[in-house]
C-alpha atoms as a PDB file:
ATOM      1  CA  MET A   1      80.352  14.880  17.350  1.00  0.00           C
ATOM      2  CA  LYS A   2      82.375  17.850  18.594  1.00  0.00           C
ATOM      3  CA  PHE A   3      82.209  19.194  22.119  1.00  0.00           C
ATOM      4  CA  MET A   4      83.528  22.282  23.862  1.00  0.00           C
ATOM      5  CA  MET A   5      84.599  21.715  27.440  1.00  0.00           C
ATOM      6  CA  THR A   6      85.285  24.699  29.692  1.00  0.00           C
ATOM      7  CA  TRP A   7      86.719  24.639  33.175  1.00  0.00           C
ATOM      8  CA  SER A   8      87.449  27.001  36.012  1.00  0.00           C
ATOM      9  CA  SER A   9      89.163  26.291  39.282  1.00  0.00           C
ATOM     10  CA  PHE A  10      87.700  26.327  42.737  1.00  0.00           C
ATOM     11  CA  PRO A  11      89.797  28.729  44.859  1.00  0.00           C
ATOM     12  CA  GLU A  12      90.556  26.034  47.421  1.00  0.00           C
ATOM     13  CA  THR A  13      91.747  23.512  44.810  1.00  0.00           C
ATOM     14  CA  ARG A  14      93.441  25.854  42.306  1.00  0.00           C
ATOM     15  CA  HIS A  15      97.010  24.767  43.086  1.00  0.00           C
ATOM     16  CA  ASP A  16      96.098  21.076  43.289  1.00  0.00           C
ATOM     17  CA  ALA A  17      94.496  21.240  39.833  1.00  0.00           C
ATOM     18  CA  ALA A  18      97.467  23.071  38.303  1.00  0.00           C
ATOM     19  CA  LYS A  19      99.996  20.706  39.882  1.00  0.00           C
ATOM     20  CA  GLY A  20      98.003  17.629  38.847  1.00  0.00           C
ATOM     21  CA  PHE A  21      97.869  18.726  35.222  1.00  0.00           C
ATOM     22  CA  GLY A  22     101.449  20.022  35.167  1.00  0.00           C
ATOM     23  CA  GLN A  23     102.823  16.685  36.335  1.00  0.00           C
ATOM     24  CA  MET A  24     101.007  14.649  33.660  1.00  0.00           C
ATOM     25  CA  THR A  25     103.064  12.960  30.966  1.00  0.00           C
ATOM     26  CA  ASP A  26     101.770  12.705  27.407  1.00  0.00           C
ATOM     27  CA  ALA A  27     100.844   9.087  28.176  1.00  0.00           C
ATOM     28  CA  ASP A  28      98.942  10.154  31.321  1.00  0.00           C
ATOM     29  CA  ASP A  29      97.083  12.757  29.279  1.00  0.00           C
ATOM     30  CA  GLU A  30      96.090  10.204  26.618  1.00  0.00           C
ATOM     31  CA  ALA A  31      94.935   7.756  29.289  1.00  0.00           C
ATOM     32  CA  ASP A  32      92.790  10.503  30.862  1.00  0.00           C
ATOM     33  CA  HIS A  33      90.369  10.560  27.912  1.00  0.00           C
ATOM     34  CA  PRO A  34      89.971   7.167  26.188  1.00  0.00           C
ATOM     35  CA  GLY A  35      87.485   7.273  23.327  1.00  0.00           C
ATOM     36  CA  VAL A  36      87.827  11.051  22.964  1.00  0.00           C
ATOM     37  CA  LYS A  37      90.010  12.817  20.397  1.00  0.00           C
ATOM     38  CA  LEU A  38      91.461  16.088  21.696  1.00  0.00           C
ATOM     39  CA  ILE A  39      91.429  18.684  18.897  1.00  0.00           C
ATOM     40  CA  GLY A  40      92.906  21.574  20.880  1.00  0.00           C
ATOM     41  CA  ARG A  41      93.167  22.933  24.423  1.00  0.00           C
ATOM     42  CA  TRP A  42      93.846  26.456  25.699  1.00  0.00           C
ATOM     43  CA  HIS A  43      94.670  27.538  29.254  1.00  0.00           C
ATOM     44  CA  ASP A  44      94.356  30.598  31.442  1.00  0.00           C
ATOM     45  CA  LEU A  45      97.131  29.619  33.870  1.00  0.00           C
ATOM     46  CA  VAL A  46      96.588  32.535  36.242  1.00  0.00           C
ATOM     47  CA  ALA A  47      92.952  31.627  36.881  1.00  0.00           C
ATOM     48  CA  VAL A  48      93.553  27.884  36.345  1.00  0.00           C
ATOM     49  CA  GLY A  49      90.810  27.686  33.760  1.00  0.00           C
ATOM     50  CA  GLY A  50      90.412  27.255  30.059  1.00  0.00           C
ATOM     51  CA  TRP A  51      88.640  25.432  27.285  1.00  0.00           C
ATOM     52  CA  LEU A  52      89.070  22.662  24.760  1.00  0.00           C
ATOM     53  CA  ILE A  53      87.487  21.215  21.669  1.00  0.00           C
ATOM     54  CA  CYS A  54      87.229  17.448  21.412  1.00  0.00           C
ATOM     55  CA  GLU A  55      85.480  14.897  19.241  1.00  0.00           C
ATOM     56  CA  SER A  56      83.762  11.637  20.120  1.00  0.00           C
ATOM     57  CA  ASP A  57      80.778   9.539  19.131  1.00  0.00           C
ATOM     58  CA  ASP A  58      80.350   8.635  22.804  1.00  0.00           C
ATOM     59  CA  ILE A  59      79.014  11.351  25.125  1.00  0.00           C
ATOM     60  CA  SER A  60      79.662   9.007  28.063  1.00  0.00           C
ATOM     61  CA  ALA A  61      83.393   9.051  27.262  1.00  0.00           C
ATOM     62  CA  VAL A  62      83.373  12.856  27.130  1.00  0.00           C
ATOM     63  CA  GLN A  63      81.506  13.158  30.415  1.00  0.00           C
ATOM     64  CA  SER A  64      83.750  10.545  32.028  1.00  0.00           C
ATOM     65  CA  TRP A  65      86.763  12.705  31.103  1.00  0.00           C
ATOM     66  CA  ALA A  66      85.120  15.736  32.705  1.00  0.00           C
ATOM     67  CA  LEU A  67      84.377  13.712  35.839  1.00  0.00           C
ATOM     68  CA  ASN A  68      88.077  12.899  36.187  1.00  0.00           C
ATOM     69  CA  TRP A  69      88.621  16.583  37.035  1.00  0.00           C
ATOM     70  CA  ASN A  70      85.276  17.385  38.641  1.00  0.00           C
ATOM     71  CA  GLY A  71      86.718  17.243  42.169  1.00  0.00           C
ATOM     72  CA  VAL A  72      89.133  20.133  41.574  1.00  0.00           C
ATOM     73  CA  LEU A  73      87.559  22.039  38.662  1.00  0.00           C
ATOM     74  CA  ASN A  74      84.118  23.300  37.721  1.00  0.00           C
ATOM     75  CA  MET A  75      83.480  21.586  34.367  1.00  0.00           C
ATOM     76  CA  GLU A  76      80.987  22.339  31.584  1.00  0.00           C
ATOM     77  CA  VAL A  77      80.465  20.301  28.407  1.00  0.00           C
ATOM     78  CA  ARG A  78      78.386  21.373  25.416  1.00  0.00           C
ATOM     79  CA  PRO A  79      78.019  20.121  21.846  1.00  0.00           C
ATOM     80  CA  VAL A  80      79.306  22.436  19.103  1.00  0.00           C
ATOM     81  CA  VAL A  81      79.529  22.486  15.297  1.00  0.00           C
ATOM     82  CA  ASP A  82      82.243  23.890  13.028  1.00  0.00           C
ATOM     83  CA  ASP A  83      81.679  26.483  10.268  1.00  0.00           C
ATOM     84  CA  ASN A  84      80.876  23.949   7.552  1.00  0.00           C
ATOM     85  CA  GLU A  85      78.454  22.038   9.772  1.00  0.00           C
ATOM     86  CA  ALA A  86      76.758  25.290  10.785  1.00  0.00           C
ATOM     87  CA  LYS A  87      76.403  26.484   7.171  1.00  0.00           C
ATOM     88  CA  THR A  88      74.972  23.143   6.066  1.00  0.00           C
ATOM     89  CA  MET A  89      72.465  23.183   8.916  1.00  0.00           C
ATOM     90  CA  LEU A  90      71.427  26.786   8.238  1.00  0.00           C
ATOM     91  CA  LYS A  91      71.017  26.150   4.494  1.00  0.00           C
ATOM     92  CA  ARG A  92      68.722  23.213   5.246  1.00  0.00           C
ATOM     93  CA  LYS A  93      66.809  25.119   7.903  1.00  0.00           C
ATOM     94  CA  TRP A  94      66.075  28.164   5.759  1.00  0.00           C
ATOM     95  CA  ASN A  95      66.310  26.641   2.278  1.00  0.00           C
ATOM     96  CA  LEU A  96      69.271  28.858   1.413  1.00  0.00           C
END
């Protein structure tokens, strides 16, 4: 299942969040989200916010990842589908 995670910084923790992420190695980053495949991540560095797409069969692993950053960022997680999944669903729904 694919998920979109969005985040925005709290004004009082903005620099802590940016520094924490900026100091992470690739190994640290991988260890931050076991059981979750990162598909892509995009940042708004000025606002210390952004969004990502990930994939996992375990919603607990996705939410655990979000909780790692919940103290310094406002996190939101929602399930999403890609174009092909959406078209398949719509064709079934409306017998297209």
